[in-house]
């Protein structure tokens, strides 16, 4: 498997508004979510009660190497919070070993990356109020714990980009290509309302 880090190091994106200028961004994969199957339907009677969680439905939740493993009755499972694909794969395999130690007949299969969460810092600050006023159809404001950020409205599903006035950008997508395309879509807005540091 090709490393996610190798795919996003030294990303160079050409800015349409300033064609003579090239913007170099260091996009960092902060976490990813993966899914896998444990094979069979899980017999929750064999699971120690301290690992059982009931929110909307019964699940088994394990904390392994800074990752949270969530296992549903059907055998569908997720690994949340891994910082690399290797870490997620290791945590998923360890969860299989734990389930086997409880006497469950499980197998590991169908491992895949579901979504990536990335961040980068623009080399400038953004006049965010002016940008959102001019392009109000393109952005939605969110206020969270007194920290305002604006989310770019995208036409493609399962992509997210949030920008802060400091130039800090968070984004998520299904793969690196999706992350890069949403950054390319947003960069002309950011460049137009830049404040040089």
C-alpha atoms as a PDB file:
ATOM      1  CA  UNK A   1       0.000   0.000   0.000  1.00  0.00           C
ATOM      2  CA  UNK A   2       1.282   3.432  -0.914  1.00  0.00           C
ATOM      3  CA  UNK A   3       1.812   5.637   2.083  1.00  0.00           C
ATOM      4  CA  UNK A   4      -0.695   8.466   2.522  1.00  0.00           C
ATOM      5  CA  UNK A   5       2.117  10.752   3.666  1.00  0.00           C
ATOM      6  CA  UNK A   6       3.964  10.292   0.373  1.00  0.00           C
ATOM      7  CA  UNK A   7       0.859  11.365  -1.537  1.00  0.00           C
ATOM      8  CA  UNK A   8       0.344  14.700   0.252  1.00  0.00           C
ATOM      9  CA  UNK A   9       3.882  15.978   0.914  1.00  0.00           C
ATOM     10  CA  UNK A  10       4.726  19.247  -0.848  1.00  0.00           C
ATOM     11  CA  UNK A  11       1.437  19.669  -2.671  1.00  0.00           C
ATOM     12  CA  UNK A  12       1.694  22.342  -5.344  1.00  0.00           C
ATOM     13  CA  UNK A  13      -1.570  23.906  -6.470  1.00  0.00           C
ATOM     14  CA  UNK A  14      -1.844  26.499  -9.223  1.00  0.00           C
ATOM     15  CA  UNK A  15      -4.091  29.380  -8.246  1.00  0.00           C
ATOM     16  CA  UNK A  16      -6.433  30.467 -11.078  1.00  0.00           C
ATOM     17  CA  UNK A  17      -6.771  34.034  -9.797  1.00  0.00           C
ATOM     18  CA  UNK A  18      -3.022  34.585  -9.700  1.00  0.00           C
ATOM     19  CA  UNK A  19      -1.845  32.375 -12.543  1.00  0.00           C
ATOM     20  CA  UNK A  20       1.750  33.546 -12.325  1.00  0.00           C
ATOM     21  CA  UNK A  21       1.957  32.453  -8.678  1.00  0.00           C
ATOM     22  CA  UNK A  22       2.143  28.938  -7.323  1.00  0.00           C
ATOM     23  CA  UNK A  23       0.960  28.119  -3.806  1.00  0.00           C
ATOM     24  CA  UNK A  24       2.807  25.361  -1.949  1.00  0.00           C
ATOM     25  CA  UNK A  25       0.830  23.813   0.885  1.00  0.00           C
ATOM     26  CA  UNK A  26       1.900  21.149   3.347  1.00  0.00           C
ATOM     27  CA  UNK A  27      -1.268  19.107   3.732  1.00  0.00           C
ATOM     28  CA  UNK A  28      -1.044  16.885   6.805  1.00  0.00           C
ATOM     29  CA  UNK A  29      -3.184  13.790   7.315  1.00  0.00           C
ATOM     30  CA  UNK A  30      -4.361  14.226  10.916  1.00  0.00           C
ATOM     31  CA  UNK A  31      -6.538  11.122  11.162  1.00  0.00           C
ATOM     32  CA  UNK A  32      -8.431   8.610   9.121  1.00  0.00           C
ATOM     33  CA  UNK A  33     -11.391   6.302   9.480  1.00  0.00           C
ATOM     34  CA  UNK A  34     -11.259   2.747   8.209  1.00  0.00           C
ATOM     35  CA  UNK A  35     -13.742  -0.091   8.053  1.00  0.00           C
ATOM     36  CA  UNK A  36     -13.310  -3.838   8.212  1.00  0.00           C
ATOM     37  CA  UNK A  37     -15.313  -6.941   8.958  1.00  0.00           C
ATOM     38  CA  UNK A  38     -14.776  -9.461  11.717  1.00  0.00           C
ATOM     39  CA  UNK A  39     -16.554 -12.124   9.703  1.00  0.00           C
ATOM     40  CA  UNK A  40     -19.387 -13.436  11.805  1.00  0.00           C
ATOM     41  CA  UNK A  41     -22.248 -12.021  13.796  1.00  0.00           C
ATOM     42  CA  UNK A  42     -20.918 -11.167  17.242  1.00  0.00           C
ATOM     43  CA  UNK A  43     -22.373 -12.993  20.235  1.00  0.00           C
ATOM     44  CA  UNK A  44     -22.490 -10.121  22.717  1.00  0.00           C
ATOM     45  CA  UNK A  45     -23.022 -12.575  25.619  1.00  0.00           C
ATOM     46  CA  UNK A  46     -19.326 -13.491  25.387  1.00  0.00           C
ATOM     47  CA  UNK A  47     -18.150  -9.867  25.539  1.00  0.00           C
ATOM     48  CA  UNK A  48     -17.117  -8.513  28.966  1.00  0.00           C
ATOM     49  CA  UNK A  49     -19.710  -5.889  30.050  1.00  0.00           C
ATOM     50  CA  UNK A  50     -17.154  -3.080  30.412  1.00  0.00           C
ATOM     51  CA  UNK A  51     -16.616  -3.120  26.611  1.00  0.00           C
ATOM     52  CA  UNK A  52     -20.314  -2.910  25.759  1.00  0.00           C
ATOM     53  CA  UNK A  53     -21.743   0.473  24.770  1.00  0.00           C
ATOM     54  CA  UNK A  54     -25.398   1.173  24.024  1.00  0.00           C
ATOM     55  CA  UNK A  55     -26.225   4.406  22.218  1.00  0.00           C
ATOM     56  CA  UNK A  56     -28.540   3.728  19.294  1.00  0.00           C
ATOM     57  CA  UNK A  57     -27.645   0.050  19.214  1.00  0.00           C
ATOM     58  CA  UNK A  58     -25.344  -2.301  21.082  1.00  0.00           C
ATOM     59  CA  UNK A  59     -21.703  -2.118  20.077  1.00  0.00           C
ATOM     60  CA  UNK A  60     -18.351  -3.285  21.365  1.00  0.00           C
ATOM     61  CA  UNK A  61     -15.843  -0.469  21.758  1.00  0.00           C
ATOM     62  CA  UNK A  62     -12.132  -1.030  22.235  1.00  0.00           C
ATOM     63  CA  UNK A  63      -9.330   1.494  22.719  1.00  0.00           C
ATOM     64  CA  UNK A  64      -6.160   0.277  20.978  1.00  0.00           C
ATOM     65  CA  UNK A  65      -3.060   2.416  20.285  1.00  0.00           C
ATOM     66  CA  UNK A  66      -4.944   5.761  20.391  1.00  0.00           C
ATOM     67  CA  UNK A  67      -7.597   4.329  18.036  1.00  0.00           C
ATOM     68  CA  UNK A  68     -11.195   3.553  18.851  1.00  0.00           C
ATOM     69  CA  UNK A  69     -12.506   0.298  17.401  1.00  0.00           C
ATOM     70  CA  UNK A  70     -16.301   0.048  17.113  1.00  0.00           C
ATOM     71  CA  UNK A  71     -17.798  -3.369  16.354  1.00  0.00           C
ATOM     72  CA  UNK A  72     -21.474  -3.897  15.575  1.00  0.00           C
ATOM     73  CA  UNK A  73     -23.484  -7.091  16.052  1.00  0.00           C
ATOM     74  CA  UNK A  74     -23.376  -7.727  12.274  1.00  0.00           C
ATOM     75  CA  UNK A  75     -19.571  -7.933  12.319  1.00  0.00           C
ATOM     76  CA  UNK A  76     -19.127  -4.585  10.576  1.00  0.00           C
ATOM     77  CA  UNK A  77     -16.360  -2.635  12.305  1.00  0.00           C
ATOM     78  CA  UNK A  78     -14.690   0.774  12.212  1.00  0.00           C
ATOM     79  CA  UNK A  79     -11.365   2.113  13.370  1.00  0.00           C
ATOM     80  CA  UNK A  80     -11.510   5.827  14.190  1.00  0.00           C
ATOM     81  CA  UNK A  81      -8.683   8.202  15.033  1.00  0.00           C
ATOM     82  CA  UNK A  82      -5.685   6.472  13.483  1.00  0.00           C
ATOM     83  CA  UNK A  83      -2.949   8.775  12.231  1.00  0.00           C
ATOM     84  CA  UNK A  84      -1.851   6.405   9.467  1.00  0.00           C
ATOM     85  CA  UNK A  85      -3.136   3.479   7.475  1.00  0.00           C
ATOM     86  CA  UNK A  86      -0.571   1.186   9.125  1.00  0.00           C
ATOM     87  CA  UNK A  87      -1.709   2.211  12.617  1.00  0.00           C
ATOM     88  CA  UNK A  88      -5.352   1.540  11.678  1.00  0.00           C
ATOM     89  CA  UNK A  89      -4.476  -1.860  10.218  1.00  0.00           C
ATOM     90  CA  UNK A  90      -2.469  -2.824  13.324  1.00  0.00           C
ATOM     91  CA  UNK A  91      -5.287  -1.735  15.671  1.00  0.00           C
ATOM     92  CA  UNK A  92      -7.865  -3.637  13.597  1.00  0.00           C
ATOM     93  CA  UNK A  93      -5.779  -6.833  13.715  1.00  0.00           C
ATOM     94  CA  UNK A  94      -5.260  -6.446  17.484  1.00  0.00           C
ATOM     95  CA  UNK A  95      -9.034  -6.151  17.930  1.00  0.00           C
ATOM     96  CA  UNK A  96      -9.419  -9.512  16.175  1.00  0.00           C
ATOM     97  CA  UNK A  97      -6.940 -11.048  18.646  1.00  0.00           C
ATOM     98  CA  UNK A  98      -8.925  -9.596  21.575  1.00  0.00           C
ATOM     99  CA  UNK A  99     -12.206 -10.979  20.224  1.00  0.00           C
ATOM    100  CA  UNK A 100     -10.603 -14.405  19.765  1.00  0.00           C
ATOM    101  CA  UNK A 101      -9.344 -14.306  23.371  1.00  0.00           C
ATOM    102  CA  UNK A 102     -12.991 -13.926  24.455  1.00  0.00           C
ATOM    103  CA  UNK A 103     -13.877 -17.144  22.614  1.00  0.00           C
ATOM    104  CA  UNK A 104     -15.453 -15.551  19.538  1.00  0.00           C
ATOM    105  CA  UNK A 105     -14.964 -17.162  16.123  1.00  0.00           C
ATOM    106  CA  UNK A 106     -13.855 -14.152  14.036  1.00  0.00           C
ATOM    107  CA  UNK A 107     -11.763 -13.480  10.937  1.00  0.00           C
ATOM    108  CA  UNK A 108     -10.299 -10.279   9.523  1.00  0.00           C
ATOM    109  CA  UNK A 109     -11.467  -9.111   6.078  1.00  0.00           C
ATOM    110  CA  UNK A 110     -12.523  -6.193   3.848  1.00  0.00           C
ATOM    111  CA  UNK A 111     -10.172  -3.566   5.312  1.00  0.00           C
ATOM    112  CA  UNK A 112     -10.454  -0.189   3.565  1.00  0.00           C
ATOM    113  CA  UNK A 113      -9.956   3.513   4.211  1.00  0.00           C
ATOM    114  CA  UNK A 114     -13.334   5.265   4.446  1.00  0.00           C
ATOM    115  CA  UNK A 115     -12.273   8.895   4.901  1.00  0.00           C
ATOM    116  CA  UNK A 116      -9.279  11.111   5.546  1.00  0.00           C
ATOM    117  CA  UNK A 117      -9.102  14.167   7.776  1.00  0.00           C
ATOM    118  CA  UNK A 118      -6.387  16.650   6.840  1.00  0.00           C
ATOM    119  CA  UNK A 119      -5.243  20.152   7.689  1.00  0.00           C
ATOM    120  CA  UNK A 120      -2.940  22.812   6.332  1.00  0.00           C
ATOM    121  CA  UNK A 121      -1.956  26.381   7.086  1.00  0.00           C
ATOM    122  CA  UNK A 122      -2.166  28.946   4.294  1.00  0.00           C
ATOM    123  CA  UNK A 123       0.802  31.305   4.002  1.00  0.00           C
ATOM    124  CA  UNK A 124      -1.566  34.211   4.660  1.00  0.00           C
ATOM    125  CA  UNK A 125      -4.520  35.215   6.833  1.00  0.00           C
ATOM    126  CA  UNK A 126      -7.974  35.642   5.281  1.00  0.00           C
ATOM    127  CA  UNK A 127     -10.416  38.577   5.326  1.00  0.00           C
ATOM    128  CA  UNK A 128     -13.083  36.081   6.130  1.00  0.00           C
ATOM    129  CA  UNK A 129     -16.050  38.444   6.619  1.00  0.00           C
ATOM    130  CA  UNK A 130     -15.502  40.096   3.226  1.00  0.00           C
ATOM    131  CA  UNK A 131     -15.090  36.720   1.527  1.00  0.00           C
ATOM    132  CA  UNK A 132     -18.259  35.294   3.034  1.00  0.00           C
ATOM    133  CA  UNK A 133     -20.224  38.477   2.283  1.00  0.00           C
ATOM    134  CA  UNK A 134     -19.221  38.425  -1.398  1.00  0.00           C
ATOM    135  CA  UNK A 135     -19.624  34.666  -1.824  1.00  0.00           C
ATOM    136  CA  UNK A 136     -22.482  34.006   0.599  1.00  0.00           C
ATOM    137  CA  UNK A 137     -23.868  31.228  -1.614  1.00  0.00           C
ATOM    138  CA  UNK A 138     -20.570  29.358  -1.435  1.00  0.00           C
ATOM    139  CA  UNK A 139     -19.974  29.432   2.330  1.00  0.00           C
ATOM    140  CA  UNK A 140     -21.892  28.585   5.491  1.00  0.00           C
ATOM    141  CA  UNK A 141     -20.908  30.031   8.877  1.00  0.00           C
ATOM    142  CA  UNK A 142     -20.566  27.824  11.926  1.00  0.00           C
ATOM    143  CA  UNK A 143     -19.957  29.072  15.436  1.00  0.00           C
ATOM    144  CA  UNK A 144     -18.500  26.544  17.823  1.00  0.00           C
ATOM    145  CA  UNK A 145     -17.215  27.379  21.303  1.00  0.00           C
ATOM    146  CA  UNK A 146     -16.594  31.015  20.366  1.00  0.00           C
ATOM    147  CA  UNK A 147     -14.378  29.923  17.476  1.00  0.00           C
ATOM    148  CA  UNK A 148     -15.961  30.879  14.165  1.00  0.00           C
ATOM    149  CA  UNK A 149     -15.206  28.981  11.007  1.00  0.00           C
ATOM    150  CA  UNK A 150     -16.720  28.938   7.565  1.00  0.00           C
ATOM    151  CA  UNK A 151     -17.482  25.824   5.617  1.00  0.00           C
ATOM    152  CA  UNK A 152     -17.260  25.716   1.826  1.00  0.00           C
ATOM    153  CA  UNK A 153     -20.464  24.357   0.316  1.00  0.00           C
ATOM    154  CA  UNK A 154     -19.514  21.676  -2.186  1.00  0.00           C
ATOM    155  CA  UNK A 155     -21.573  19.913  -4.800  1.00  0.00           C
ATOM    156  CA  UNK A 156     -19.873  16.571  -4.223  1.00  0.00           C
ATOM    157  CA  UNK A 157     -20.919  14.389  -1.320  1.00  0.00           C
ATOM    158  CA  UNK A 158     -18.673  13.346   1.556  1.00  0.00           C
ATOM    159  CA  UNK A 159     -16.251  16.267   1.245  1.00  0.00           C
ATOM    160  CA  UNK A 160     -15.748  18.968   3.826  1.00  0.00           C
ATOM    161  CA  UNK A 161     -13.561  22.076   4.005  1.00  0.00           C
ATOM    162  CA  UNK A 162     -13.557  24.550   6.888  1.00  0.00           C
ATOM    163  CA  UNK A 163     -11.467  27.705   6.985  1.00  0.00           C
ATOM    164  CA  UNK A 164     -10.578  29.951   9.925  1.00  0.00           C
ATOM    165  CA  UNK A 165      -9.549  33.646   9.740  1.00  0.00           C
ATOM    166  CA  UNK A 166      -5.982  32.662  10.737  1.00  0.00           C
ATOM    167  CA  UNK A 167      -5.601  30.741   7.463  1.00  0.00           C
ATOM    168  CA  UNK A 168      -5.914  27.341   9.136  1.00  0.00           C
ATOM    169  CA  UNK A 169      -7.844  24.933   6.901  1.00  0.00           C
ATOM    170  CA  UNK A 170      -9.388  21.563   7.831  1.00  0.00           C
ATOM    171  CA  UNK A 171     -10.769  19.206   5.229  1.00  0.00           C
ATOM    172  CA  UNK A 172     -11.995  15.683   4.783  1.00  0.00           C
ATOM    173  CA  UNK A 173     -12.639  13.451   1.832  1.00  0.00           C
ATOM    174  CA  UNK A 174     -12.731   9.861   0.677  1.00  0.00           C
ATOM    175  CA  UNK A 175      -9.178   9.935  -0.678  1.00  0.00           C
ATOM    176  CA  UNK A 176      -6.218  12.205  -1.377  1.00  0.00           C
ATOM    177  CA  UNK A 177      -7.574  13.157  -4.796  1.00  0.00           C
ATOM    178  CA  UNK A 178     -10.828  14.333  -3.176  1.00  0.00           C
ATOM    179  CA  UNK A 179      -8.878  16.394  -0.636  1.00  0.00           C
ATOM    180  CA  UNK A 180      -6.792  18.033  -3.368  1.00  0.00           C
ATOM    181  CA  UNK A 181      -9.834  18.812  -5.513  1.00  0.00           C
ATOM    182  CA  UNK A 182     -11.654  20.586  -2.683  1.00  0.00           C
ATOM    183  CA  UNK A 183      -8.520  22.619  -1.890  1.00  0.00           C
ATOM    184  CA  UNK A 184      -8.228  23.572  -5.569  1.00  0.00           C
ATOM    185  CA  UNK A 185     -11.899  24.596  -5.527  1.00  0.00           C
ATOM    186  CA  UNK A 186     -11.447  26.806  -2.464  1.00  0.00           C
ATOM    187  CA  UNK A 187      -8.030  28.337  -3.132  1.00  0.00           C
ATOM    188  CA  UNK A 188      -9.246  31.088  -5.518  1.00  0.00           C
ATOM    189  CA  UNK A 189     -11.616  32.361  -2.782  1.00  0.00           C
ATOM    190  CA  UNK A 190      -8.819  32.350  -0.203  1.00  0.00           C
ATOM    191  CA  UNK A 191      -6.350  34.076  -2.521  1.00  0.00           C
ATOM    192  CA  UNK A 192      -8.743  36.879  -3.420  1.00  0.00           C
ATOM    193  CA  UNK A 193      -9.204  37.849   0.248  1.00  0.00           C
ATOM    194  CA  UNK A 194      -5.690  37.249   1.508  1.00  0.00           C
ATOM    195  CA  UNK A 195      -4.011  39.356   4.168  1.00  0.00           C
ATOM    196  CA  UNK A 196      -0.238  39.078   3.930  1.00  0.00           C
ATOM    197  CA  UNK A 197       1.392  38.095   7.236  1.00  0.00           C
END
